[in-house]
Amino acid sequence: MAEKILIVDDEMDMLELLELIITDRTDYQVVTTNSPLEVPELLKKDTFDLLITDLRMPDIDGIELIEMVKQIDDQIPFIIITAYGTIESAVEAMRKGAFDYITKPFRQEQILLTIEKVMKWRRLQKENMALKAELEKIKKGSHG
């Protein structure tokens, strides 16, 4: 099963560009939305391995979106992308749990390298959870 990336940005051009970069150069499946308000519904319908979001959007900003999503899935990693990068917003994003913070304009290689780092981390996270579950099963089996 291909790993999935959810991209949230109010600018359709940026959504299309990111989708094109990712689907053209990787095997990841991409789902896009220009409305951060749709994200909770998308997370209930499907499982995603990475969420890429714009920082500034009209209804909910990227930081608020992180907080909202963490209540639904606290394991999903984030990448914040912004044209209005500041040290303060970068620090806040990282404190809220963003994996990385990328400023526009970015190079294709930069976003692809960052996605690859996140996906490696995500695979290790899943493997760790599976091993912990297996260990618990073995522990219960030895006591029962």
N, C-alpha and C. Protein backbone atom coordinates (compact mmCIF):
# COMPACT_ATOMS: atom_id res chain seq x y z
N MET A 1 0.84 -1.18 0.00
CA MET A 1 0.00 0.00 0.00
C MET A 1 0.88 1.24 0.00
N ALA A 2 0.62 2.13 -0.94
CA ALA A 2 1.43 3.34 -1.05
C ALA A 2 1.17 4.27 0.12
N GLU A 3 2.22 4.93 0.56
CA GLU A 3 2.08 5.90 1.65
C GLU A 3 1.38 7.14 1.10
N LYS A 4 0.60 7.77 1.98
CA LYS A 4 -0.23 8.90 1.54
C LYS A 4 0.16 10.21 2.20
N ILE A 5 0.08 11.25 1.40
CA ILE A 5 0.40 12.60 1.86
C ILE A 5 -0.84 13.46 1.65
N LEU A 6 -1.23 14.19 2.69
CA LEU A 6 -2.33 15.15 2.60
C LEU A 6 -1.72 16.55 2.52
N ILE A 7 -2.11 17.30 1.50
CA ILE A 7 -1.59 18.66 1.32
C ILE A 7 -2.74 19.65 1.48
N VAL A 8 -2.52 20.66 2.32
CA VAL A 8 -3.54 21.67 2.60
C VAL A 8 -2.97 23.04 2.28
N ASP A 9 -3.59 23.73 1.34
CA ASP A 9 -3.17 25.10 1.00
C ASP A 9 -4.35 25.79 0.35
N ASP A 10 -4.57 27.05 0.73
CA ASP A 10 -5.71 27.78 0.14
C ASP A 10 -5.43 28.21 -1.30
N GLU A 11 -4.17 28.17 -1.72
CA GLU A 11 -3.81 28.56 -3.10
C GLU A 11 -3.79 27.32 -4.00
N MET A 12 -4.70 27.30 -4.98
CA MET A 12 -4.81 26.15 -5.88
C MET A 12 -3.51 25.91 -6.66
N ASP A 13 -2.84 26.99 -7.06
CA ASP A 13 -1.59 26.84 -7.81
C ASP A 13 -0.54 26.07 -6.99
N MET A 14 -0.45 26.39 -5.71
CA MET A 14 0.53 25.72 -4.85
C MET A 14 0.15 24.25 -4.65
N LEU A 15 -1.15 23.98 -4.48
CA LEU A 15 -1.60 22.59 -4.35
C LEU A 15 -1.22 21.78 -5.58
N GLU A 16 -1.50 22.34 -6.74
CA GLU A 16 -1.21 21.63 -7.99
C GLU A 16 0.29 21.44 -8.18
N LEU A 17 1.07 22.46 -7.84
CA LEU A 17 2.53 22.36 -7.97
C LEU A 17 3.09 21.26 -7.05
N LEU A 18 2.68 21.28 -5.79
CA LEU A 18 3.18 20.26 -4.85
C LEU A 18 2.75 18.86 -5.28
N GLU A 19 1.49 18.72 -5.70
CA GLU A 19 1.00 17.42 -6.15
C GLU A 19 1.82 16.93 -7.34
N LEU A 20 2.08 17.82 -8.28
CA LEU A 20 2.86 17.47 -9.47
C LEU A 20 4.28 17.05 -9.10
N ILE A 21 4.94 17.83 -8.25
CA ILE A 21 6.31 17.51 -7.83
C ILE A 21 6.36 16.13 -7.18
N ILE A 22 5.41 15.89 -6.27
CA ILE A 22 5.44 14.64 -5.49
C ILE A 22 5.06 13.43 -6.34
N THR A 23 3.99 13.54 -7.12
CA THR A 23 3.55 12.37 -7.90
C THR A 23 4.47 12.10 -9.08
N ASP A 24 5.13 13.14 -9.59
CA ASP A 24 6.05 12.97 -10.71
C ASP A 24 7.35 12.29 -10.28
N ARG A 25 7.78 12.55 -9.04
CA ARG A 25 9.12 12.09 -8.63
C ARG A 25 9.11 11.03 -7.52
N THR A 26 7.92 10.66 -7.01
CA THR A 26 7.86 9.63 -5.96
C THR A 26 6.68 8.70 -6.23
N ASP A 27 6.56 7.66 -5.39
CA ASP A 27 5.43 6.73 -5.50
C ASP A 27 4.33 7.07 -4.49
N TYR A 28 4.45 8.15 -3.78
CA TYR A 28 3.47 8.49 -2.76
C TYR A 28 2.15 8.91 -3.38
N GLN A 29 1.05 8.52 -2.72
CA GLN A 29 -0.26 9.01 -3.13
C GLN A 29 -0.48 10.37 -2.49
N VAL A 30 -1.15 11.25 -3.22
CA VAL A 30 -1.36 12.61 -2.73
C VAL A 30 -2.84 12.94 -2.75
N VAL A 31 -3.33 13.49 -1.65
CA VAL A 31 -4.68 14.03 -1.56
C VAL A 31 -4.52 15.50 -1.23
N THR A 32 -5.28 16.36 -1.93
CA THR A 32 -5.15 17.80 -1.69
C THR A 32 -6.50 18.39 -1.29
N THR A 33 -6.43 19.45 -0.51
CA THR A 33 -7.62 20.24 -0.22
C THR A 33 -7.22 21.70 -0.04
N ASN A 34 -8.09 22.59 -0.51
CA ASN A 34 -7.81 24.02 -0.32
C ASN A 34 -8.55 24.56 0.90
N SER A 35 -9.21 23.64 1.64
CA SER A 35 -9.93 24.06 2.84
C SER A 35 -9.44 23.30 4.06
N PRO A 36 -8.76 23.98 5.00
CA PRO A 36 -8.32 23.29 6.21
C PRO A 36 -9.49 22.74 7.03
N LEU A 37 -10.68 23.30 6.83
CA LEU A 37 -11.85 22.83 7.57
C LEU A 37 -12.26 21.41 7.15
N GLU A 38 -11.82 20.97 5.97
CA GLU A 38 -12.11 19.61 5.50
C GLU A 38 -11.18 18.56 6.09
N VAL A 39 -10.08 18.99 6.69
CA VAL A 39 -9.05 18.06 7.15
C VAL A 39 -9.57 17.03 8.16
N PRO A 40 -10.33 17.43 9.19
CA PRO A 40 -10.81 16.39 10.13
C PRO A 40 -11.62 15.30 9.43
N GLU A 41 -12.46 15.68 8.48
CA GLU A 41 -13.27 14.69 7.76
C GLU A 41 -12.37 13.77 6.93
N LEU A 42 -11.36 14.33 6.27
CA LEU A 42 -10.43 13.52 5.47
C LEU A 42 -9.65 12.55 6.36
N LEU A 43 -9.29 12.98 7.57
CA LEU A 43 -8.54 12.12 8.48
C LEU A 43 -9.41 10.99 9.03
N LYS A 44 -10.71 11.23 9.11
CA LYS A 44 -11.62 10.17 9.59
C LYS A 44 -11.84 9.13 8.50
N LYS A 45 -11.81 9.56 7.24
CA LYS A 45 -12.05 8.65 6.11
C LYS A 45 -10.82 7.85 5.73
N ASP A 46 -9.62 8.39 5.96
CA ASP A 46 -8.41 7.78 5.43
C ASP A 46 -7.25 7.96 6.41
N THR A 47 -6.18 7.21 6.17
CA THR A 47 -4.97 7.31 6.98
C THR A 47 -3.89 7.98 6.14
N PHE A 48 -3.22 8.95 6.73
CA PHE A 48 -2.16 9.67 6.02
C PHE A 48 -0.85 9.52 6.79
N ASP A 49 0.26 9.51 6.04
CA ASP A 49 1.57 9.37 6.65
C ASP A 49 2.26 10.71 6.83
N LEU A 50 1.73 11.74 6.20
CA LEU A 50 2.34 13.07 6.29
C LEU A 50 1.28 14.11 5.93
N LEU A 51 1.32 15.23 6.63
CA LEU A 51 0.46 16.36 6.30
C LEU A 51 1.35 17.56 5.99
N ILE A 52 1.19 18.11 4.81
CA ILE A 52 1.91 19.32 4.41
C ILE A 52 0.88 20.44 4.39
N THR A 53 1.15 21.52 5.13
CA THR A 53 0.17 22.60 5.20
C THR A 53 0.82 23.97 5.05
N ASP A 54 0.06 24.87 4.47
CA ASP A 54 0.46 26.27 4.40
C ASP A 54 0.31 26.86 5.80
N LEU A 55 1.10 27.87 6.11
CA LEU A 55 0.98 28.51 7.43
C LEU A 55 -0.20 29.47 7.45
N ARG A 56 -0.30 30.32 6.44
CA ARG A 56 -1.36 31.35 6.42
C ARG A 56 -2.49 30.93 5.50
N MET A 57 -3.66 30.71 6.10
CA MET A 57 -4.87 30.39 5.34
C MET A 57 -6.01 31.17 5.97
N PRO A 58 -7.07 31.43 5.23
CA PRO A 58 -8.12 32.30 5.74
C PRO A 58 -8.92 31.76 6.93
N ASP A 59 -9.30 30.50 6.93
CA ASP A 59 -10.17 29.98 8.00
C ASP A 59 -9.40 29.53 9.25
N ILE A 60 -8.37 28.75 9.01
CA ILE A 60 -7.55 28.22 10.11
C ILE A 60 -6.11 28.31 9.64
N ASP A 61 -5.19 28.82 10.49
CA ASP A 61 -3.80 28.84 10.05
C ASP A 61 -3.14 27.49 10.32
N GLY A 62 -1.94 27.32 9.81
CA GLY A 62 -1.25 26.04 9.91
C GLY A 62 -1.02 25.59 11.35
N ILE A 63 -0.75 26.54 12.25
CA ILE A 63 -0.52 26.20 13.66
C ILE A 63 -1.81 25.69 14.29
N GLU A 64 -2.92 26.37 14.01
CA GLU A 64 -4.21 25.92 14.54
C GLU A 64 -4.57 24.55 13.96
N LEU A 65 -4.22 24.35 12.69
CA LEU A 65 -4.50 23.06 12.04
C LEU A 65 -3.73 21.93 12.73
N ILE A 66 -2.46 22.19 13.09
CA ILE A 66 -1.68 21.18 13.82
C ILE A 66 -2.40 20.79 15.10
N GLU A 67 -2.83 21.81 15.86
CA GLU A 67 -3.51 21.54 17.13
C GLU A 67 -4.78 20.72 16.92
N MET A 68 -5.54 21.06 15.88
CA MET A 68 -6.79 20.36 15.58
C MET A 68 -6.51 18.91 15.19
N VAL A 69 -5.53 18.70 14.34
CA VAL A 69 -5.22 17.35 13.85
C VAL A 69 -4.64 16.48 14.96
N LYS A 70 -3.82 17.07 15.83
CA LYS A 70 -3.23 16.29 16.93
C LYS A 70 -4.30 15.67 17.82
N GLN A 71 -5.48 16.28 17.89
CA GLN A 71 -6.57 15.71 18.67
C GLN A 71 -7.18 14.48 17.99
N ILE A 72 -7.01 14.38 16.68
CA ILE A 72 -7.54 13.25 15.91
C ILE A 72 -6.47 12.18 15.74
N ASP A 73 -5.26 12.59 15.35
CA ASP A 73 -4.15 11.67 15.11
C ASP A 73 -2.88 12.33 15.60
N ASP A 74 -2.43 11.92 16.80
CA ASP A 74 -1.24 12.59 17.36
C ASP A 74 0.08 12.03 16.82
N GLN A 75 0.02 11.08 15.90
CA GLN A 75 1.23 10.48 15.34
C GLN A 75 1.63 11.08 13.99
N ILE A 76 0.70 11.74 13.30
CA ILE A 76 0.97 12.21 11.93
C ILE A 76 1.98 13.36 11.94
N PRO A 77 3.04 13.24 11.15
CA PRO A 77 4.02 14.33 11.07
C PRO A 77 3.55 15.46 10.13
N PHE A 78 4.04 16.65 10.41
CA PHE A 78 3.68 17.85 9.64
C PHE A 78 4.89 18.50 9.00
N ILE A 79 4.67 19.09 7.85
CA ILE A 79 5.62 20.04 7.27
C ILE A 79 4.84 21.32 7.05
N ILE A 80 5.34 22.43 7.55
CA ILE A 80 4.71 23.73 7.35
C ILE A 80 5.43 24.43 6.20
N ILE A 81 4.66 24.98 5.27
CA ILE A 81 5.23 25.75 4.17
C ILE A 81 4.65 27.16 4.24
N THR A 82 5.50 28.16 4.09
CA THR A 82 5.00 29.53 4.17
C THR A 82 5.81 30.50 3.32
N ALA A 83 5.11 31.51 2.84
CA ALA A 83 5.78 32.61 2.14
C ALA A 83 6.10 33.73 3.13
N TYR A 84 5.59 33.59 4.36
CA TYR A 84 5.74 34.64 5.37
C TYR A 84 6.52 34.11 6.57
N GLY A 85 7.65 33.48 6.31
CA GLY A 85 8.41 32.87 7.38
C GLY A 85 9.02 33.87 8.33
N THR A 86 8.85 33.62 9.62
CA THR A 86 9.51 34.40 10.66
C THR A 86 10.11 33.42 11.65
N ILE A 87 11.08 33.87 12.39
CA ILE A 87 11.69 32.99 13.40
C ILE A 87 10.63 32.60 14.43
N GLU A 88 9.78 33.56 14.81
CA GLU A 88 8.75 33.29 15.81
C GLU A 88 7.79 32.19 15.34
N SER A 89 7.31 32.31 14.09
CA SER A 89 6.35 31.29 13.62
C SER A 89 7.04 29.95 13.42
N ALA A 90 8.31 29.96 13.02
CA ALA A 90 9.04 28.70 12.87
C ALA A 90 9.20 28.00 14.22
N VAL A 91 9.56 28.78 15.25
CA VAL A 91 9.73 28.22 16.59
C VAL A 91 8.40 27.68 17.09
N GLU A 92 7.32 28.44 16.89
CA GLU A 92 6.00 27.99 17.34
C GLU A 92 5.59 26.71 16.62
N ALA A 93 5.82 26.65 15.31
CA ALA A 93 5.47 25.45 14.54
C ALA A 93 6.23 24.24 15.06
N MET A 94 7.52 24.40 15.32
CA MET A 94 8.31 23.27 15.81
C MET A 94 7.87 22.87 17.22
N ARG A 95 7.54 23.84 18.06
CA ARG A 95 7.05 23.52 19.40
C ARG A 95 5.74 22.74 19.36
N LYS A 96 4.92 23.05 18.36
CA LYS A 96 3.62 22.35 18.22
C LYS A 96 3.78 20.98 17.59
N GLY A 97 4.99 20.68 17.14
CA GLY A 97 5.23 19.34 16.63
C GLY A 97 5.49 19.23 15.15
N ALA A 98 5.68 20.35 14.46
CA ALA A 98 6.00 20.27 13.03
C ALA A 98 7.35 19.59 12.84
N PHE A 99 7.46 18.75 11.84
CA PHE A 99 8.71 18.06 11.54
C PHE A 99 9.69 19.03 10.89
N ASP A 100 9.17 19.90 10.03
CA ASP A 100 10.04 20.87 9.36
C ASP A 100 9.22 22.10 8.97
N TYR A 101 9.92 23.17 8.64
CA TYR A 101 9.33 24.46 8.32
C TYR A 101 10.07 24.98 7.10
N ILE A 102 9.36 25.09 5.99
CA ILE A 102 10.00 25.45 4.71
C ILE A 102 9.42 26.77 4.23
N THR A 103 10.29 27.67 3.79
CA THR A 103 9.82 28.96 3.28
C THR A 103 9.77 28.93 1.76
N LYS A 104 8.76 29.62 1.21
CA LYS A 104 8.60 29.77 -0.23
C LYS A 104 9.45 30.96 -0.69
N PRO A 105 9.98 30.97 -1.84
CA PRO A 105 9.97 29.85 -2.79
C PRO A 105 10.95 28.77 -2.37
N PHE A 106 10.60 27.51 -2.62
CA PHE A 106 11.48 26.41 -2.26
C PHE A 106 11.89 25.68 -3.54
N ARG A 107 12.98 24.96 -3.45
CA ARG A 107 13.43 24.15 -4.58
C ARG A 107 12.76 22.78 -4.50
N GLN A 108 12.48 22.20 -5.66
CA GLN A 108 11.86 20.86 -5.70
C GLN A 108 12.64 19.86 -4.86
N GLU A 109 13.98 19.91 -4.99
CA GLU A 109 14.82 18.96 -4.28
C GLU A 109 14.67 19.13 -2.77
N GLN A 110 14.50 20.38 -2.34
CA GLN A 110 14.35 20.64 -0.91
C GLN A 110 13.09 19.98 -0.36
N ILE A 111 11.98 20.15 -1.03
CA ILE A 111 10.72 19.57 -0.53
C ILE A 111 10.78 18.05 -0.63
N LEU A 112 11.36 17.51 -1.71
CA LEU A 112 11.44 16.06 -1.86
C LEU A 112 12.34 15.43 -0.81
N LEU A 113 13.47 16.08 -0.52
CA LEU A 113 14.38 15.59 0.51
C LEU A 113 13.71 15.61 1.88
N THR A 114 12.99 16.68 2.17
CA THR A 114 12.29 16.79 3.45
C THR A 114 11.22 15.71 3.56
N ILE A 115 10.45 15.50 2.49
CA ILE A 115 9.41 14.45 2.50
C ILE A 115 10.07 13.09 2.74
N GLU A 116 11.19 12.82 2.09
CA GLU A 116 11.87 11.53 2.26
C GLU A 116 12.32 11.34 3.70
N LYS A 117 12.83 12.41 4.33
CA LYS A 117 13.25 12.32 5.74
C LYS A 117 12.05 12.00 6.63
N VAL A 118 10.93 12.67 6.38
CA VAL A 118 9.72 12.43 7.18
C VAL A 118 9.24 11.00 6.99
N MET A 119 9.23 10.52 5.76
CA MET A 119 8.73 9.17 5.51
C MET A 119 9.62 8.11 6.14
N LYS A 120 10.94 8.31 6.13
CA LYS A 120 11.84 7.38 6.83
C LYS A 120 11.52 7.36 8.31
N TRP A 121 11.34 8.55 8.89
CA TRP A 121 11.00 8.66 10.31
C TRP A 121 9.67 7.98 10.59
N ARG A 122 8.69 8.20 9.68
CA ARG A 122 7.35 7.61 9.86
C ARG A 122 7.41 6.08 9.81
N ARG A 123 8.21 5.52 8.88
CA ARG A 123 8.37 4.06 8.80
C ARG A 123 8.97 3.52 10.10
N LEU A 124 9.99 4.20 10.62
CA LEU A 124 10.61 3.77 11.89
C LEU A 124 9.61 3.86 13.04
N GLN A 125 8.80 4.92 13.03
CA GLN A 125 7.77 5.09 14.06
C GLN A 125 6.77 3.93 14.02
N LYS A 126 6.31 3.56 12.81
CA LYS A 126 5.36 2.45 12.66
C LYS A 126 5.99 1.12 13.07
N GLU A 127 7.26 0.92 12.67
CA GLU A 127 7.96 -0.31 13.02
C GLU A 127 8.12 -0.41 14.53
N ASN A 128 8.45 0.70 15.16
CA ASN A 128 8.60 0.74 16.61
C ASN A 128 7.28 0.38 17.31
N MET A 129 6.17 0.94 16.81
CA MET A 129 4.85 0.65 17.39
C MET A 129 4.49 -0.82 17.21
N ALA A 130 4.81 -1.38 16.04
CA ALA A 130 4.51 -2.79 15.77
C ALA A 130 5.34 -3.69 16.68
N LEU A 131 6.62 -3.35 16.87
CA LEU A 131 7.49 -4.14 17.74
C LEU A 131 7.03 -4.06 19.20
N LYS A 132 6.60 -2.89 19.62
CA LYS A 132 6.08 -2.74 20.99
C LYS A 132 4.84 -3.59 21.19
N ALA A 133 3.95 -3.58 20.18
CA ALA A 133 2.73 -4.39 20.26
C ALA A 133 3.08 -5.87 20.31
N GLU A 134 4.06 -6.29 19.51
CA GLU A 134 4.50 -7.68 19.50
C GLU A 134 5.11 -8.07 20.86
N LEU A 135 5.90 -7.18 21.42
CA LEU A 135 6.51 -7.42 22.72
C LEU A 135 5.44 -7.57 23.81
N GLU A 136 4.41 -6.73 23.76
CA GLU A 136 3.31 -6.83 24.72
C GLU A 136 2.60 -8.17 24.61
N LYS A 137 2.40 -8.62 23.35
CA LYS A 137 1.75 -9.91 23.12
C LYS A 137 2.58 -11.04 23.72
N ILE A 138 3.89 -10.95 23.53
CA ILE A 138 4.79 -12.00 24.05
C ILE A 138 4.77 -11.98 25.58
N LYS A 139 4.80 -10.77 26.17
CA LYS A 139 4.76 -10.64 27.63
C LYS A 139 3.48 -11.24 28.20
N LYS A 140 2.34 -10.93 27.56
CA LYS A 140 1.05 -11.46 28.02
C LYS A 140 1.00 -12.97 27.86
N GLY A 141 1.59 -13.47 26.77
CA GLY A 141 1.62 -14.90 26.51
C GLY A 141 2.44 -15.66 27.54
N SER A 142 3.52 -15.05 28.03
CA SER A 142 4.38 -15.73 29.00
C SER A 142 3.78 -15.73 30.40
N HIS A 143 2.83 -14.82 30.65
CA HIS A 143 2.18 -14.77 31.98
C HIS A 143 0.85 -15.50 32.00
N GLY A 144 0.32 -15.80 30.86
CA GLY A 144 -1.01 -16.38 30.86
C GLY A 144 -1.00 -17.73 30.33
